[in-house]
Amino acid sequence: MVIGTFDEHTMLEFLPNPVISVQQNAYEIAEQAQNLMQKALGEKSISDRIVIPAKVISRG
């Protein structure tokens, strides 16, 4: 059985099954979310499209 998960943790190395995880940039996600909330509170347009790259990590 292959396990798939969002987020990255070093303990995934110890699982006996193959694991595919997605490492997300939590700092950048939080920063962009804060920027969008500030725009919304200021009644500015929030039609921005934001893409924050993620890294796929495959083990086993």
PDB file of N, CA and C in Angstrom:
ATOM      1  N   MET A   1       0.839  -1.155   0.000  1.00  0.00           N
ATOM      2  CA  MET A   1       0.000   0.000   0.000  1.00  0.00           C
ATOM      3  C   MET A   1       0.900   1.238   0.000  1.00  0.00           C
ATOM      4  N   VAL A   2       0.624   2.146  -0.892  1.00  0.00           N
ATOM      5  CA  VAL A   2       1.344   3.423  -0.972  1.00  0.00           C
ATOM      6  C   VAL A   2       0.543   4.456  -0.189  1.00  0.00           C
ATOM      7  N   ILE A   3       1.234   5.206   0.661  1.00  0.00           N
ATOM      8  CA  ILE A   3       0.587   6.226   1.476  1.00  0.00           C
ATOM      9  C   ILE A   3       0.877   7.591   0.865  1.00  0.00           C
ATOM     10  N   GLY A   4      -0.148   8.408   0.741  1.00  0.00           N
ATOM     11  CA  GLY A   4       0.012   9.772   0.244  1.00  0.00           C
ATOM     12  C   GLY A   4      -0.439  10.758   1.307  1.00  0.00           C
ATOM     13  N   THR A   5       0.322  11.817   1.506  1.00  0.00           N
ATOM     14  CA  THR A   5      -0.028  12.781   2.540  1.00  0.00           C
ATOM     15  C   THR A   5       0.416  14.190   2.151  1.00  0.00           C
ATOM     16  N   PHE A   6      -0.293  15.168   2.679  1.00  0.00           N
ATOM     17  CA  PHE A   6       0.126  16.553   2.557  1.00  0.00           C
ATOM     18  C   PHE A   6       0.916  16.882   3.803  1.00  0.00           C
ATOM     19  N   ASP A   7       1.948  17.623   3.653  1.00  0.00           N
ATOM     20  CA  ASP A   7       2.866  18.050   4.693  1.00  0.00           C
ATOM     21  C   ASP A   7       4.044  17.099   4.758  1.00  0.00           C
ATOM     22  N   GLU A   8       5.106  17.572   5.296  1.00  0.00           N
ATOM     23  CA  GLU A   8       6.356  16.823   5.332  1.00  0.00           C
ATOM     24  C   GLU A   8       6.806  16.685   6.780  1.00  0.00           C
ATOM     25  N   HIS A   9       7.226  15.497   7.143  1.00  0.00           N
ATOM     26  CA  HIS A   9       7.732  15.249   8.494  1.00  0.00           C
ATOM     27  C   HIS A   9       8.813  14.180   8.405  1.00  0.00           C
ATOM     28  N   THR A  10       9.877  14.339   9.167  1.00  0.00           N
ATOM     29  CA  THR A  10      10.988  13.377   9.112  1.00  0.00           C
ATOM     30  C   THR A  10      10.578  11.990   9.578  1.00  0.00           C
ATOM     31  N   MET A  11       9.543  11.871  10.379  1.00  0.00           N
ATOM     32  CA  MET A  11       9.089  10.558  10.855  1.00  0.00           C
ATOM     33  C   MET A  11       8.545   9.695   9.707  1.00  0.00           C
ATOM     34  N   LEU A  12       8.188  10.311   8.589  1.00  0.00           N
ATOM     35  CA  LEU A  12       7.714   9.536   7.442  1.00  0.00           C
ATOM     36  C   LEU A  12       8.797   8.589   6.931  1.00  0.00           C
ATOM     37  N   GLU A  13      10.056   8.907   7.206  1.00  0.00           N
ATOM     38  CA  GLU A  13      11.180   8.055   6.798  1.00  0.00           C
ATOM     39  C   GLU A  13      11.098   6.663   7.430  1.00  0.00           C
ATOM     40  N   PHE A  14      10.454   6.560   8.576  1.00  0.00           N
ATOM     41  CA  PHE A  14      10.434   5.308   9.330  1.00  0.00           C
ATOM     42  C   PHE A  14       9.265   4.388   8.987  1.00  0.00           C
ATOM     43  N   LEU A  15       8.358   4.838   8.146  1.00  0.00           N
ATOM     44  CA  LEU A  15       7.233   3.988   7.752  1.00  0.00           C
ATOM     45  C   LEU A  15       7.715   2.897   6.796  1.00  0.00           C
ATOM     46  N   PRO A  16       7.207   1.671   6.952  1.00  0.00           N
ATOM     47  CA  PRO A  16       7.656   0.584   6.082  1.00  0.00           C
ATOM     48  C   PRO A  16       7.087   0.666   4.658  1.00  0.00           C
ATOM     49  N   ASN A  17       6.004   1.387   4.492  1.00  0.00           N
ATOM     50  CA  ASN A  17       5.359   1.503   3.187  1.00  0.00           C
ATOM     51  C   ASN A  17       5.982   2.626   2.372  1.00  0.00           C
ATOM     52  N   PRO A  18       5.848   2.556   1.035  1.00  0.00           N
ATOM     53  CA  PRO A  18       6.241   3.700   0.209  1.00  0.00           C
ATOM     54  C   PRO A  18       5.346   4.899   0.564  1.00  0.00           C
ATOM     55  N   VAL A  19       5.941   6.070   0.650  1.00  0.00           N
ATOM     56  CA  VAL A  19       5.199   7.279   1.033  1.00  0.00           C
ATOM     57  C   VAL A  19       5.473   8.382   0.015  1.00  0.00           C
ATOM     58  N   ILE A  20       4.409   9.036  -0.413  1.00  0.00           N
ATOM     59  CA  ILE A  20       4.516  10.215  -1.265  1.00  0.00           C
ATOM     60  C   ILE A  20       3.918  11.368  -0.475  1.00  0.00           C
ATOM     61  N   SER A  21       4.704  12.408  -0.273  1.00  0.00           N
ATOM     62  CA  SER A  21       4.214  13.559   0.488  1.00  0.00           C
ATOM     63  C   SER A  21       4.429  14.839  -0.313  1.00  0.00           C
ATOM     64  N   VAL A  22       3.675  15.856   0.065  1.00  0.00           N
ATOM     65  CA  VAL A  22       3.797  17.153  -0.578  1.00  0.00           C
ATOM     66  C   VAL A  22       4.250  18.152   0.482  1.00  0.00           C
ATOM     67  N   GLN A  23       5.419  18.739   0.264  1.00  0.00           N
ATOM     68  CA  GLN A  23       5.953  19.736   1.189  1.00  0.00           C
ATOM     69  C   GLN A  23       5.480  21.111   0.743  1.00  0.00           C
ATOM     70  N   GLN A  24       4.693  21.760   1.594  1.00  0.00           N
ATOM     71  CA  GLN A  24       4.145  23.068   1.267  1.00  0.00           C
ATOM     72  C   GLN A  24       4.908  24.150   2.021  1.00  0.00           C
ATOM     73  N   ASN A  25       4.967  25.329   1.446  1.00  0.00           N
ATOM     74  CA  ASN A  25       5.638  26.450   2.074  1.00  0.00           C
ATOM     75  C   ASN A  25       4.638  27.168   2.977  1.00  0.00           C
ATOM     76  N   ALA A  26       4.544  26.720   4.238  1.00  0.00           N
ATOM     77  CA  ALA A  26       3.542  27.242   5.172  1.00  0.00           C
ATOM     78  C   ALA A  26       3.740  28.738   5.421  1.00  0.00           C
ATOM     79  N   TYR A  27       4.981  29.180   5.485  1.00  0.00           N
ATOM     80  CA  TYR A  27       5.248  30.604   5.717  1.00  0.00           C
ATOM     81  C   TYR A  27       4.670  31.450   4.584  1.00  0.00           C
ATOM     82  N   GLU A  28       4.923  31.037   3.354  1.00  0.00           N
ATOM     83  CA  GLU A  28       4.429  31.797   2.196  1.00  0.00           C
ATOM     84  C   GLU A  28       2.901  31.751   2.116  1.00  0.00           C
ATOM     85  N   ILE A  29       2.306  30.607   2.440  1.00  0.00           N
ATOM     86  CA  ILE A  29       0.841  30.495   2.439  1.00  0.00           C
ATOM     87  C   ILE A  29       0.248  31.467   3.450  1.00  0.00           C
ATOM     88  N   ALA A  30       0.813  31.509   4.655  1.00  0.00           N
ATOM     89  CA  ALA A  30       0.310  32.417   5.694  1.00  0.00           C
ATOM     90  C   ALA A  30       0.489  33.876   5.292  1.00  0.00           C
ATOM     91  N   GLU A  31       1.623  34.191   4.710  1.00  0.00           N
ATOM     92  CA  GLU A  31       1.884  35.569   4.293  1.00  0.00           C
ATOM     93  C   GLU A  31       0.896  36.018   3.215  1.00  0.00           C
ATOM     94  N   GLN A  32       0.664  35.166   2.237  1.00  0.00           N
ATOM     95  CA  GLN A  32      -0.277  35.512   1.158  1.00  0.00           C
ATOM     96  C   GLN A  32      -1.704  35.604   1.687  1.00  0.00           C
ATOM     97  N   ALA A  33      -2.074  34.714   2.618  1.00  0.00           N
ATOM     98  CA  ALA A  33      -3.415  34.765   3.214  1.00  0.00           C
ATOM     99  C   ALA A  33      -3.613  36.074   3.969  1.00  0.00           C
ATOM    100  N   GLN A  34      -2.589  36.499   4.703  1.00  0.00           N
ATOM    101  CA  GLN A  34      -2.673  37.764   5.428  1.00  0.00           C
ATOM    102  C   GLN A  34      -2.828  38.936   4.455  1.00  0.00           C
ATOM    103  N   ASN A  35      -2.063  38.928   3.375  1.00  0.00           N
ATOM    104  CA  ASN A  35      -2.178  39.986   2.367  1.00  0.00           C
ATOM    105  C   ASN A  35      -3.586  40.049   1.783  1.00  0.00           C
ATOM    106  N   LEU A  36      -4.162  38.886   1.478  1.00  0.00           N
ATOM    107  CA  LEU A  36      -5.515  38.861   0.915  1.00  0.00           C
ATOM    108  C   LEU A  36      -6.547  39.353   1.923  1.00  0.00           C
ATOM    109  N   MET A  37      -6.379  38.973   3.200  1.00  0.00           N
ATOM    110  CA  MET A  37      -7.324  39.444   4.231  1.00  0.00           C
ATOM    111  C   MET A  37      -7.243  40.956   4.396  1.00  0.00           C
ATOM    112  N   GLN A  38      -6.035  41.500   4.359  1.00  0.00           N
ATOM    113  CA  GLN A  38      -5.878  42.949   4.467  1.00  0.00           C
ATOM    114  C   GLN A  38      -6.523  43.660   3.284  1.00  0.00           C
ATOM    115  N   LYS A  39      -6.393  43.104   2.090  1.00  0.00           N
ATOM    116  CA  LYS A  39      -7.046  43.688   0.916  1.00  0.00           C
ATOM    117  C   LYS A  39      -8.560  43.641   1.067  1.00  0.00           C
ATOM    118  N   ALA A  40      -9.082  42.501   1.541  1.00  0.00           N
ATOM    119  CA  ALA A  40     -10.532  42.353   1.699  1.00  0.00           C
ATOM    120  C   ALA A  40     -11.068  43.331   2.741  1.00  0.00           C
ATOM    121  N   LEU A  41     -10.338  43.528   3.834  1.00  0.00           N
ATOM    122  CA  LEU A  41     -10.765  44.478   4.859  1.00  0.00           C
ATOM    123  C   LEU A  41     -10.705  45.914   4.358  1.00  0.00           C
ATOM    124  N   GLY A  42      -9.791  46.181   3.457  1.00  0.00           N
ATOM    125  CA  GLY A  42      -9.683  47.503   2.861  1.00  0.00           C
ATOM    126  C   GLY A  42     -10.599  47.687   1.677  1.00  0.00           C
ATOM    127  N   GLU A  43     -11.464  46.709   1.441  1.00  0.00           N
ATOM    128  CA  GLU A  43     -12.428  46.726   0.335  1.00  0.00           C
ATOM    129  C   GLU A  43     -11.751  46.886  -1.022  1.00  0.00           C
ATOM    130  N   LYS A  44     -10.567  46.333  -1.127  1.00  0.00           N
ATOM    131  CA  LYS A  44      -9.891  46.325  -2.419  1.00  0.00           C
ATOM    132  C   LYS A  44     -10.230  45.029  -3.140  1.00  0.00           C
ATOM    133  N   SER A  45     -10.034  45.015  -4.431  1.00  0.00           N
ATOM    134  CA  SER A  45     -10.295  43.814  -5.219  1.00  0.00           C
ATOM    135  C   SER A  45      -9.325  42.704  -4.820  1.00  0.00           C
ATOM    136  N   ILE A  46      -9.867  41.505  -4.648  1.00  0.00           N
ATOM    137  CA  ILE A  46      -9.012  40.379  -4.285  1.00  0.00           C
ATOM    138  C   ILE A  46      -9.093  39.276  -5.345  1.00  0.00           C
ATOM    139  N   SER A  47      -9.099  39.686  -6.582  1.00  0.00           N
ATOM    140  CA  SER A  47      -9.189  38.721  -7.683  1.00  0.00           C
ATOM    141  C   SER A  47      -7.816  38.182  -8.073  1.00  0.00           C
ATOM    142  N   ASP A  48      -6.823  38.397  -7.198  1.00  0.00           N
ATOM    143  CA  ASP A  48      -5.472  37.920  -7.484  1.00  0.00           C
ATOM    144  C   ASP A  48      -5.448  36.395  -7.534  1.00  0.00           C
ATOM    145  N   ARG A  49      -4.646  35.878  -8.417  1.00  0.00           N
ATOM    146  CA  ARG A  49      -4.409  34.438  -8.456  1.00  0.00           C
ATOM    147  C   ARG A  49      -2.996  34.214  -7.930  1.00  0.00           C
ATOM    148  N   ILE A  50      -2.897  33.442  -6.896  1.00  0.00           N
ATOM    149  CA  ILE A  50      -1.612  33.220  -6.245  1.00  0.00           C
ATOM    150  C   ILE A  50      -1.240  31.748  -6.379  1.00  0.00           C
ATOM    151  N   VAL A  51      -0.049  31.496  -6.863  1.00  0.00           N
ATOM    152  CA  VAL A  51       0.451  30.130  -6.983  1.00  0.00           C
ATOM    153  C   VAL A  51       1.697  30.021  -6.121  1.00  0.00           C
ATOM    154  N   ILE A  52       1.648  29.110  -5.176  1.00  0.00           N
ATOM    155  CA  ILE A  52       2.791  28.870  -4.300  1.00  0.00           C
ATOM    156  C   ILE A  52       3.275  27.455  -4.601  1.00  0.00           C
ATOM    157  N   PRO A  53       4.451  27.328  -5.181  1.00  0.00           N
ATOM    158  CA  PRO A  53       4.937  26.008  -5.567  1.00  0.00           C
ATOM    159  C   PRO A  53       5.097  25.074  -4.358  1.00  0.00           C
ATOM    160  N   ALA A  54       4.842  23.806  -4.590  1.00  0.00           N
ATOM    161  CA  ALA A  54       5.030  22.770  -3.589  1.00  0.00           C
ATOM    162  C   ALA A  54       6.041  21.754  -4.125  1.00  0.00           C
ATOM    163  N   LYS A  55       6.594  20.994  -3.232  1.00  0.00           N
ATOM    164  CA  LYS A  55       7.604  19.994  -3.607  1.00  0.00           C
ATOM    165  C   LYS A  55       7.053  18.594  -3.293  1.00  0.00           C
ATOM    166  N   VAL A  56       7.052  17.713  -4.286  1.00  0.00           N
ATOM    167  CA  VAL A  56       6.618  16.331  -4.094  1.00  0.00           C
ATOM    168  C   VAL A  56       7.814  15.491  -3.696  1.00  0.00           C
ATOM    169  N   ILE A  57       7.669  14.752  -2.595  1.00  0.00           N
ATOM    170  CA  ILE A  57       8.736  13.902  -2.095  1.00  0.00           C
ATOM    171  C   ILE A  57       8.257  12.460  -2.108  1.00  0.00           C
ATOM    172  N   SER A  58       9.002  11.600  -2.774  1.00  0.00           N
ATOM    173  CA  SER A  58       8.644  10.176  -2.886  1.00  0.00           C
ATOM    174  C   SER A  58       9.669   9.333  -2.151  1.00  0.00           C
ATOM    175  N   ARG A  59       9.193   8.475  -1.279  1.00  0.00           N
ATOM    176  CA  ARG A  59      10.064   7.570  -0.514  1.00  0.00           C
ATOM    177  C   ARG A  59       9.685   6.133  -0.826  1.00  0.00           C
ATOM    178  N   GLY A  60      10.680   5.335  -0.983  1.00  0.00           N
ATOM    179  CA  GLY A  60      10.441   3.889  -1.162  1.00  0.00           C
ATOM    180  C   GLY A  60      10.027   3.548  -2.532  1.00  0.00           C
TER     181      GLY A  60
END
